[in-house]
Amino acid sequence: MVAEMNSTASTATRPALEVKNLTVNYGVIGALHEVSFSIERGDIVTLIGANGAGKTTTLRAISGLIKSASGEVTYERESITNVPAHRLVARGLAHVPEGRMIFANLTVMENLRMGAYLRLDSIQPELDYAFGIFPRLKERISQVAGTLSGGEQQMLAIARALMSKPKFLMLDEPSLGIAPLLVKTIFEKIVEINREQGITILLVEQNANLALEISNYGYVLETGRIILHDTAAALRQNPKVQSAYLGG
């Protein structure tokens, strides 16, 4: 079902996001080595790779959570290299981190309101959309978030990000720790958000099969370097990708 919902390739004439020669170090250890890629507006793009390949580091560097040693990140033709995370949220970038990082002691509604903390306008349209796409959240609107299931917490993390009205959404391991049936639902909703809201999505996901099914394009990271990139359909047919990441 997910494969049938593949997003249509963007017709944009310039990338929404460009990463050029991005290098990130943790002390003396190099985590990313001159990583370069671009994402067209309206597309879903996935980064795949083994644990420790640098996928999460890439997202954290883009979203301003860690500083890069060199290189440049450009969003909508403006440099956002090492811009603090809260300023990027105001510019339309949202990041759903690995592990969800919800506010466990707050209710579902309080978490959603935290996602809109920079906004001065009405948040009702975004609340309506969040409850429409994730009806379970509306059913649990007053429930403490820490008591939700893993899948429901992931829904909440994504909905919280949507409350900031993003144009560009980064998702880090949305299938992690979630029951298989809910994983399918989450990925269907990611495609729905992309199609209905026109939000560009950068997806980091170890479930490479599922990630490539819903993506337009993919990049393969290995030990902090991009070693391969192509359309998602081509990567799914690539013998090296099949052997290393798709269980072929």
C-alpha atoms as a PDB file:
ATOM      1  CA  MET A   1       0.000   0.000   0.000  1.00  0.00           C
ATOM      2  CA  VAL A   2       2.790   2.407   0.897  1.00  0.00           C
ATOM      3  CA  ALA A   3       4.480   1.882  -2.478  1.00  0.00           C
ATOM      4  CA  GLU A   4       1.300   2.941  -4.262  1.00  0.00           C
ATOM      5  CA  MET A   5       1.414   6.253  -2.400  1.00  0.00           C
ATOM      6  CA  ASN A   6       4.816   7.313  -3.730  1.00  0.00           C
ATOM      7  CA  SER A   7       5.203  11.070  -3.840  1.00  0.00           C
ATOM      8  CA  THR A   8       5.323  12.691  -7.254  1.00  0.00           C
ATOM      9  CA  ALA A   9       8.755  14.066  -8.145  1.00  0.00           C
ATOM     10  CA  SER A  10       9.130  17.760  -7.578  1.00  0.00           C
ATOM     11  CA  THR A  11       9.158  20.105 -10.534  1.00  0.00           C
ATOM     12  CA  ALA A  12      11.021  22.780  -8.620  1.00  0.00           C
ATOM     13  CA  THR A  13      13.816  24.484 -10.487  1.00  0.00           C
ATOM     14  CA  ARG A  14      16.097  24.832  -7.504  1.00  0.00           C
ATOM     15  CA  PRO A  15      16.719  22.730  -4.406  1.00  0.00           C
ATOM     16  CA  ALA A  16      14.968  23.520  -1.154  1.00  0.00           C
ATOM     17  CA  LEU A  17      18.087  22.424   0.722  1.00  0.00           C
ATOM     18  CA  GLU A  18      21.718  22.116  -0.351  1.00  0.00           C
ATOM     19  CA  VAL A  19      24.490  20.607   1.745  1.00  0.00           C
ATOM     20  CA  LYS A  20      27.999  21.208   0.456  1.00  0.00           C
ATOM     21  CA  ASN A  21      31.138  19.569   1.840  1.00  0.00           C
ATOM     22  CA  LEU A  22      29.699  19.300   5.340  1.00  0.00           C
ATOM     23  CA  THR A  23      32.275  18.105   7.858  1.00  0.00           C
ATOM     24  CA  VAL A  24      31.484  17.394  11.514  1.00  0.00           C
ATOM     25  CA  ASN A  25      33.907  16.250  14.196  1.00  0.00           C
ATOM     26  CA  TYR A  26      33.341  14.908  17.684  1.00  0.00           C
ATOM     27  CA  GLY A  27      36.603  15.968  19.270  1.00  0.00           C
ATOM     28  CA  VAL A  28      39.340  14.346  17.198  1.00  0.00           C
ATOM     29  CA  ILE A  29      36.939  11.854  15.646  1.00  0.00           C
ATOM     30  CA  GLY A  30      35.499  12.691  12.246  1.00  0.00           C
ATOM     31  CA  ALA A  31      31.768  11.965  12.021  1.00  0.00           C
ATOM     32  CA  LEU A  32      31.027  13.480   8.593  1.00  0.00           C
ATOM     33  CA  HIS A  33      33.566  13.971   5.818  1.00  0.00           C
ATOM     34  CA  GLU A  34      32.675  16.552   3.161  1.00  0.00           C
ATOM     35  CA  VAL A  35      29.110  15.324   2.730  1.00  0.00           C
ATOM     36  CA  SER A  36      27.201  16.928  -0.150  1.00  0.00           C
ATOM     37  CA  PHE A  37      23.625  16.452  -1.317  1.00  0.00           C
ATOM     38  CA  SER A  38      20.557  18.427  -2.317  1.00  0.00           C
ATOM     39  CA  ILE A  39      16.803  18.067  -1.903  1.00  0.00           C
ATOM     40  CA  GLU A  40      14.230  19.406  -4.328  1.00  0.00           C
ATOM     41  CA  ARG A  41      11.225  21.237  -2.976  1.00  0.00           C
ATOM     42  CA  GLY A  42       8.289  18.916  -2.358  1.00  0.00           C
ATOM     43  CA  ASP A  43      10.301  15.688  -2.480  1.00  0.00           C
ATOM     44  CA  ILE A  44      10.834  12.948   0.072  1.00  0.00           C
ATOM     45  CA  VAL A  45      14.528  12.087   0.272  1.00  0.00           C
ATOM     46  CA  THR A  46      16.008   9.360   2.443  1.00  0.00           C
ATOM     47  CA  LEU A  47      19.437   8.841   3.974  1.00  0.00           C
ATOM     48  CA  ILE A  48      20.201   5.172   4.546  1.00  0.00           C
ATOM     49  CA  GLY A  49      23.181   3.538   6.167  1.00  0.00           C
ATOM     50  CA  ALA A  50      24.298   1.348   9.024  1.00  0.00           C
ATOM     51  CA  ASN A  51      24.467   2.428  12.665  1.00  0.00           C
ATOM     52  CA  GLY A  52      27.257   4.965  13.072  1.00  0.00           C
ATOM     53  CA  ALA A  53      27.260   5.963   9.403  1.00  0.00           C
ATOM     54  CA  GLY A  54      26.504   9.601  10.228  1.00  0.00           C
ATOM     55  CA  LYS A  55      22.798   9.840   9.435  1.00  0.00           C
ATOM     56  CA  THR A  56      21.681  11.368  12.734  1.00  0.00           C
ATOM     57  CA  THR A  57      24.733  13.629  12.795  1.00  0.00           C
ATOM     58  CA  THR A  58      23.749  14.965   9.376  1.00  0.00           C
ATOM     59  CA  LEU A  59      20.275  15.916  10.583  1.00  0.00           C
ATOM     60  CA  ARG A  60      21.592  17.442  13.782  1.00  0.00           C
ATOM     61  CA  ALA A  61      24.105  19.556  11.855  1.00  0.00           C
ATOM     62  CA  ILE A  62      21.439  20.789   9.431  1.00  0.00           C
ATOM     63  CA  SER A  63      19.037  21.680  12.240  1.00  0.00           C
ATOM     64  CA  GLY A  64      21.643  23.573  14.267  1.00  0.00           C
ATOM     65  CA  LEU A  65      21.847  21.140  17.177  1.00  0.00           C
ATOM     66  CA  ILE A  66      25.556  20.575  16.599  1.00  0.00           C
ATOM     67  CA  LYS A  67      28.148  22.736  14.879  1.00  0.00           C
ATOM     68  CA  SER A  68      29.936  21.759  11.707  1.00  0.00           C
ATOM     69  CA  ALA A  69      33.687  22.105  11.316  1.00  0.00           C
ATOM     70  CA  SER A  70      33.392  23.175   7.685  1.00  0.00           C
ATOM     71  CA  GLY A  71      31.066  23.163   4.727  1.00  0.00           C
ATOM     72  CA  GLU A  72      27.799  24.968   4.091  1.00  0.00           C
ATOM     73  CA  VAL A  73      24.091  24.291   4.444  1.00  0.00           C
ATOM     74  CA  THR A  74      21.771  26.416   2.285  1.00  0.00           C
ATOM     75  CA  TYR A  75      18.000  26.541   2.727  1.00  0.00           C
ATOM     76  CA  GLU A  76      15.887  28.430   0.204  1.00  0.00           C
ATOM     77  CA  ARG A  77      19.063  30.069  -1.159  1.00  0.00           C
ATOM     78  CA  GLU A  78      20.136  31.381   2.249  1.00  0.00           C
ATOM     79  CA  SER A  79      22.989  29.984   4.304  1.00  0.00           C
ATOM     80  CA  ILE A  80      21.835  28.377   7.558  1.00  0.00           C
ATOM     81  CA  THR A  81      25.215  26.922   8.488  1.00  0.00           C
ATOM     82  CA  ASN A  82      25.442  26.707  12.286  1.00  0.00           C
ATOM     83  CA  VAL A  83      22.305  28.826  12.747  1.00  0.00           C
ATOM     84  CA  PRO A  84      20.722  27.985  16.160  1.00  0.00           C
ATOM     85  CA  ALA A  85      17.862  25.502  16.079  1.00  0.00           C
ATOM     86  CA  HIS A  86      15.177  27.868  17.400  1.00  0.00           C
ATOM     87  CA  ARG A  87      15.871  30.319  14.576  1.00  0.00           C
ATOM     88  CA  LEU A  88      15.538  27.563  11.997  1.00  0.00           C
ATOM     89  CA  VAL A  89      12.133  26.565  13.367  1.00  0.00           C
ATOM     90  CA  ALA A  90      10.994  30.128  12.790  1.00  0.00           C
ATOM     91  CA  ARG A  91      12.214  29.825   9.179  1.00  0.00           C
ATOM     92  CA  GLY A  92      10.167  26.729   8.479  1.00  0.00           C
ATOM     93  CA  LEU A  93      12.471  23.829   9.347  1.00  0.00           C
ATOM     94  CA  ALA A  94      11.331  21.205  11.852  1.00  0.00           C
ATOM     95  CA  HIS A  95      13.204  18.192  13.206  1.00  0.00           C
ATOM     96  CA  VAL A  96      11.647  15.104  14.776  1.00  0.00           C
ATOM     97  CA  PRO A  97      14.621  13.553  16.589  1.00  0.00           C
ATOM     98  CA  GLU A  98      15.503   9.928  17.100  1.00  0.00           C
ATOM     99  CA  GLY A  99      13.736   8.652  20.212  1.00  0.00           C
ATOM    100  CA  ARG A 100      10.874  11.154  19.705  1.00  0.00           C
ATOM    101  CA  MET A 101      11.854  13.351  22.684  1.00  0.00           C
ATOM    102  CA  ILE A 102       8.301  14.174  23.656  1.00  0.00           C
ATOM    103  CA  PHE A 103       7.596  15.904  26.966  1.00  0.00           C
ATOM    104  CA  ALA A 104       6.651  12.772  28.880  1.00  0.00           C
ATOM    105  CA  ASN A 105       5.126  14.574  31.876  1.00  0.00           C
ATOM    106  CA  LEU A 106       2.906  16.843  29.770  1.00  0.00           C
ATOM    107  CA  THR A 107      -0.392  15.928  28.159  1.00  0.00           C
ATOM    108  CA  VAL A 108      -0.861  15.392  24.438  1.00  0.00           C
ATOM    109  CA  MET A 109      -2.375  18.868  24.083  1.00  0.00           C
ATOM    110  CA  GLU A 110       0.406  20.488  26.079  1.00  0.00           C
ATOM    111  CA  ASN A 111       2.988  18.805  23.839  1.00  0.00           C
ATOM    112  CA  LEU A 112       1.228  20.124  20.754  1.00  0.00           C
ATOM    113  CA  ARG A 113       1.120  23.624  22.172  1.00  0.00           C
ATOM    114  CA  MET A 114       4.849  23.416  22.857  1.00  0.00           C
ATOM    115  CA  GLY A 115       5.349  22.735  19.152  1.00  0.00           C
ATOM    116  CA  ALA A 116       3.719  26.085  18.396  1.00  0.00           C
ATOM    117  CA  TYR A 117       5.632  28.060  21.019  1.00  0.00           C
ATOM    118  CA  LEU A 118       7.025  30.568  18.486  1.00  0.00           C
ATOM    119  CA  ARG A 119       3.689  31.316  16.891  1.00  0.00           C
ATOM    120  CA  LEU A 120       1.511  34.342  17.570  1.00  0.00           C
ATOM    121  CA  ASP A 121      -1.325  33.420  15.196  1.00  0.00           C
ATOM    122  CA  SER A 122      -4.127  30.900  15.704  1.00  0.00           C
ATOM    123  CA  ILE A 123      -2.943  27.299  15.962  1.00  0.00           C
ATOM    124  CA  GLN A 124      -6.410  25.846  15.450  1.00  0.00           C
ATOM    125  CA  PRO A 125      -5.904  24.908  11.761  1.00  0.00           C
ATOM    126  CA  GLU A 126      -2.797  22.914  12.642  1.00  0.00           C
ATOM    127  CA  LEU A 127      -4.533  21.287  15.623  1.00  0.00           C
ATOM    128  CA  ASP A 128      -7.407  20.273  13.373  1.00  0.00           C
ATOM    129  CA  TYR A 129      -5.002  18.820  10.823  1.00  0.00           C
ATOM    130  CA  ALA A 130      -2.986  16.972  13.474  1.00  0.00           C
ATOM    131  CA  PHE A 131      -6.120  15.401  14.952  1.00  0.00           C
ATOM    132  CA  GLY A 132      -7.403  14.595  11.477  1.00  0.00           C
ATOM    133  CA  ILE A 133      -4.287  12.755  10.387  1.00  0.00           C
ATOM    134  CA  PHE A 134      -3.692  11.187  13.815  1.00  0.00           C
ATOM    135  CA  PRO A 135      -7.158  10.641  15.318  1.00  0.00           C
ATOM    136  CA  ARG A 136      -5.670   8.618  18.177  1.00  0.00           C
ATOM    137  CA  LEU A 137      -4.159  11.827  19.513  1.00  0.00           C
ATOM    138  CA  LYS A 138      -7.553  13.493  19.703  1.00  0.00           C
ATOM    139  CA  GLU A 139      -8.863  10.488  21.628  1.00  0.00           C
ATOM    140  CA  ARG A 140      -5.971  10.933  24.079  1.00  0.00           C
ATOM    141  CA  ILE A 141      -5.870  14.718  24.139  1.00  0.00           C
ATOM    142  CA  SER A 142      -5.707  14.924  27.948  1.00  0.00           C
ATOM    143  CA  GLN A 143      -3.551  11.830  28.454  1.00  0.00           C
ATOM    144  CA  VAL A 144      -0.013  12.214  29.795  1.00  0.00           C
ATOM    145  CA  ALA A 145       2.315  11.654  26.837  1.00  0.00           C
ATOM    146  CA  GLY A 146       4.617   9.294  28.692  1.00  0.00           C
ATOM    147  CA  THR A 147       1.789   6.779  29.007  1.00  0.00           C
ATOM    148  CA  LEU A 148       1.216   6.539  25.245  1.00  0.00           C
ATOM    149  CA  SER A 149       2.428   3.558  23.249  1.00  0.00           C
ATOM    150  CA  GLY A 150       5.608   3.918  21.176  1.00  0.00           C
ATOM    151  CA  GLY A 151       3.623   4.390  17.984  1.00  0.00           C
ATOM    152  CA  GLU A 152       1.358   6.979  19.562  1.00  0.00           C
ATOM    153  CA  GLN A 153       4.387   8.858  20.887  1.00  0.00           C
ATOM    154  CA  GLN A 154       5.827   8.928  17.359  1.00  0.00           C
ATOM    155  CA  MET A 155       2.528  10.294  16.061  1.00  0.00           C
ATOM    156  CA  LEU A 156       2.691  12.966  18.748  1.00  0.00           C
ATOM    157  CA  ALA A 157       6.286  13.866  17.889  1.00  0.00           C
ATOM    158  CA  ILE A 158       5.379  14.345  14.230  1.00  0.00           C
ATOM    159  CA  ALA A 159       2.203  16.262  15.072  1.00  0.00           C
ATOM    160  CA  ARG A 160       4.147  18.496  17.451  1.00  0.00           C
ATOM    161  CA  ALA A 161       6.564  19.340  14.632  1.00  0.00           C
ATOM    162  CA  LEU A 162       3.662  20.148  12.313  1.00  0.00           C
ATOM    163  CA  MET A 163       2.390  22.710  14.816  1.00  0.00           C
ATOM    164  CA  SER A 164       5.247  25.018  13.801  1.00  0.00           C
ATOM    165  CA  LYS A 165       3.895  25.130  10.199  1.00  0.00           C
ATOM    166  CA  PRO A 166       7.100  23.748   8.660  1.00  0.00           C
ATOM    167  CA  LYS A 167       8.006  23.820   4.995  1.00  0.00           C
ATOM    168  CA  PHE A 168      10.837  21.325   5.520  1.00  0.00           C
ATOM    169  CA  LEU A 169      10.563  18.373   7.900  1.00  0.00           C
ATOM    170  CA  MET A 170      13.388  16.100   9.064  1.00  0.00           C
ATOM    171  CA  LEU A 171      12.453  12.727  10.543  1.00  0.00           C
ATOM    172  CA  ASP A 172      15.038  10.612  12.356  1.00  0.00           C
ATOM    173  CA  GLU A 173      14.202   6.891  12.612  1.00  0.00           C
ATOM    174  CA  PRO A 174      10.402   7.192  12.807  1.00  0.00           C
ATOM    175  CA  SER A 175      10.021   3.385  12.859  1.00  0.00           C
ATOM    176  CA  LEU A 176      12.343   2.855  15.834  1.00  0.00           C
ATOM    177  CA  GLY A 177      10.741   0.853  18.636  1.00  0.00           C
ATOM    178  CA  ILE A 178       7.297   0.732  17.032  1.00  0.00           C
ATOM    179  CA  ALA A 179       5.094  -2.294  16.377  1.00  0.00           C
ATOM    180  CA  PRO A 180       5.165  -3.349  12.686  1.00  0.00           C
ATOM    181  CA  LEU A 181       1.485  -2.544  12.095  1.00  0.00           C
ATOM    182  CA  LEU A 182       1.931   1.002  13.365  1.00  0.00           C
ATOM    183  CA  VAL A 183       5.148   1.436  11.355  1.00  0.00           C
ATOM    184  CA  LYS A 184       3.103   0.979   8.191  1.00  0.00           C
ATOM    185  CA  THR A 185       0.599   3.559   9.423  1.00  0.00           C
ATOM    186  CA  ILE A 186       3.309   6.076  10.299  1.00  0.00           C
ATOM    187  CA  PHE A 187       4.884   5.818   6.837  1.00  0.00           C
ATOM    188  CA  GLU A 188       1.529   6.195   5.125  1.00  0.00           C
ATOM    189  CA  LYS A 189       0.961   9.356   7.155  1.00  0.00           C
ATOM    190  CA  ILE A 190       4.392  10.705   6.163  1.00  0.00           C
ATOM    191  CA  VAL A 191       3.418  10.384   2.508  1.00  0.00           C
ATOM    192  CA  GLU A 192       0.037  11.975   3.262  1.00  0.00           C
ATOM    193  CA  ILE A 193       1.690  14.960   4.960  1.00  0.00           C
ATOM    194  CA  ASN A 194       4.052  15.381   2.015  1.00  0.00           C
ATOM    195  CA  ARG A 195       1.219  15.278  -0.515  1.00  0.00           C
ATOM    196  CA  GLU A 196      -1.417  17.287   1.334  1.00  0.00           C
ATOM    197  CA  GLN A 197       0.807  19.930   2.933  1.00  0.00           C
ATOM    198  CA  GLY A 198       3.532  20.111   0.272  1.00  0.00           C
ATOM    199  CA  ILE A 199       6.181  19.718   2.965  1.00  0.00           C
ATOM    200  CA  THR A 200       9.634  18.658   1.809  1.00  0.00           C
ATOM    201  CA  ILE A 201      10.852  15.703   3.865  1.00  0.00           C
ATOM    202  CA  LEU A 202      14.322  14.415   4.706  1.00  0.00           C
ATOM    203  CA  LEU A 203      14.026  10.946   6.194  1.00  0.00           C
ATOM    204  CA  VAL A 204      16.629   8.972   8.112  1.00  0.00           C
ATOM    205  CA  GLU A 205      15.568   5.379   8.479  1.00  0.00           C
ATOM    206  CA  GLN A 206      17.203   1.984   9.035  1.00  0.00           C
ATOM    207  CA  ASN A 207      14.218   0.259   7.450  1.00  0.00           C
ATOM    208  CA  ALA A 208      15.664   0.951   4.014  1.00  0.00           C
ATOM    209  CA  ASN A 209      12.994  -1.016   2.171  1.00  0.00           C
ATOM    210  CA  LEU A 210      10.190   1.098   3.551  1.00  0.00           C
ATOM    211  CA  ALA A 211      12.129   4.357   3.292  1.00  0.00           C
ATOM    212  CA  LEU A 212      12.939   3.826  -0.381  1.00  0.00           C
ATOM    213  CA  GLU A 213       9.334   2.831  -1.123  1.00  0.00           C
ATOM    214  CA  ILE A 214       8.038   6.275  -0.197  1.00  0.00           C
ATOM    215  CA  SER A 215      11.006   8.382  -1.352  1.00  0.00           C
ATOM    216  CA  ASN A 216      11.859  10.113  -4.591  1.00  0.00           C
ATOM    217  CA  TYR A 217      15.610   9.974  -4.110  1.00  0.00           C
ATOM    218  CA  GLY A 218      18.106   8.376  -1.762  1.00  0.00           C
ATOM    219  CA  TYR A 219      21.650   8.776  -0.488  1.00  0.00           C
ATOM    220  CA  VAL A 220      23.722   6.010   1.060  1.00  0.00           C
ATOM    221  CA  LEU A 221      26.016   7.039   3.922  1.00  0.00           C
ATOM    222  CA  GLU A 222      28.955   4.898   5.002  1.00  0.00           C
ATOM    223  CA  THR A 223      31.430   5.942   7.711  1.00  0.00           C
ATOM    224  CA  GLY A 224      30.521   9.599   7.292  1.00  0.00           C
ATOM    225  CA  ARG A 225      30.676   9.734   3.506  1.00  0.00           C
ATOM    226  CA  ILE A 226      28.108   9.610   0.722  1.00  0.00           C
ATOM    227  CA  ILE A 227      29.077   6.517  -1.261  1.00  0.00           C
ATOM    228  CA  LEU A 228      26.069   6.222  -3.535  1.00  0.00           C
ATOM    229  CA  HIS A 229      23.022   8.195  -4.611  1.00  0.00           C
ATOM    230  CA  ASP A 230      20.266   7.702  -7.136  1.00  0.00           C
ATOM    231  CA  THR A 231      16.508   7.686  -7.521  1.00  0.00           C
ATOM    232  CA  ALA A 232      14.844   5.579  -4.854  1.00  0.00           C
ATOM    233  CA  ALA A 233      13.622   3.131  -7.489  1.00  0.00           C
ATOM    234  CA  ALA A 234      17.136   2.662  -8.855  1.00  0.00           C
ATOM    235  CA  LEU A 235      18.616   2.169  -5.390  1.00  0.00           C
ATOM    236  CA  ARG A 236      16.090  -0.546  -4.648  1.00  0.00           C
ATOM    237  CA  GLN A 237      17.354  -2.421  -7.714  1.00  0.00           C
ATOM    238  CA  ASN A 238      21.047  -1.810  -6.993  1.00  0.00           C
ATOM    239  CA  PRO A 239      22.731  -5.121  -6.034  1.00  0.00           C
ATOM    240  CA  LYS A 240      25.047  -3.446  -3.514  1.00  0.00           C
ATOM    241  CA  VAL A 241      22.130  -1.740  -1.770  1.00  0.00           C
ATOM    242  CA  GLN A 242      20.086  -4.927  -1.848  1.00  0.00           C
ATOM    243  CA  SER A 243      22.923  -6.910  -0.289  1.00  0.00           C
ATOM    244  CA  ALA A 244      23.857  -4.395   2.395  1.00  0.00           C
ATOM    245  CA  TYR A 245      20.526  -2.806   3.346  1.00  0.00           C
ATOM    246  CA  LEU A 246      17.552  -4.600   1.799  1.00  0.00           C
ATOM    247  CA  GLY A 247      18.224  -8.158   2.848  1.00  0.00           C
ATOM    248  CA  GLY A 248      18.821  -9.247  -0.745  1.00  0.00           C
END
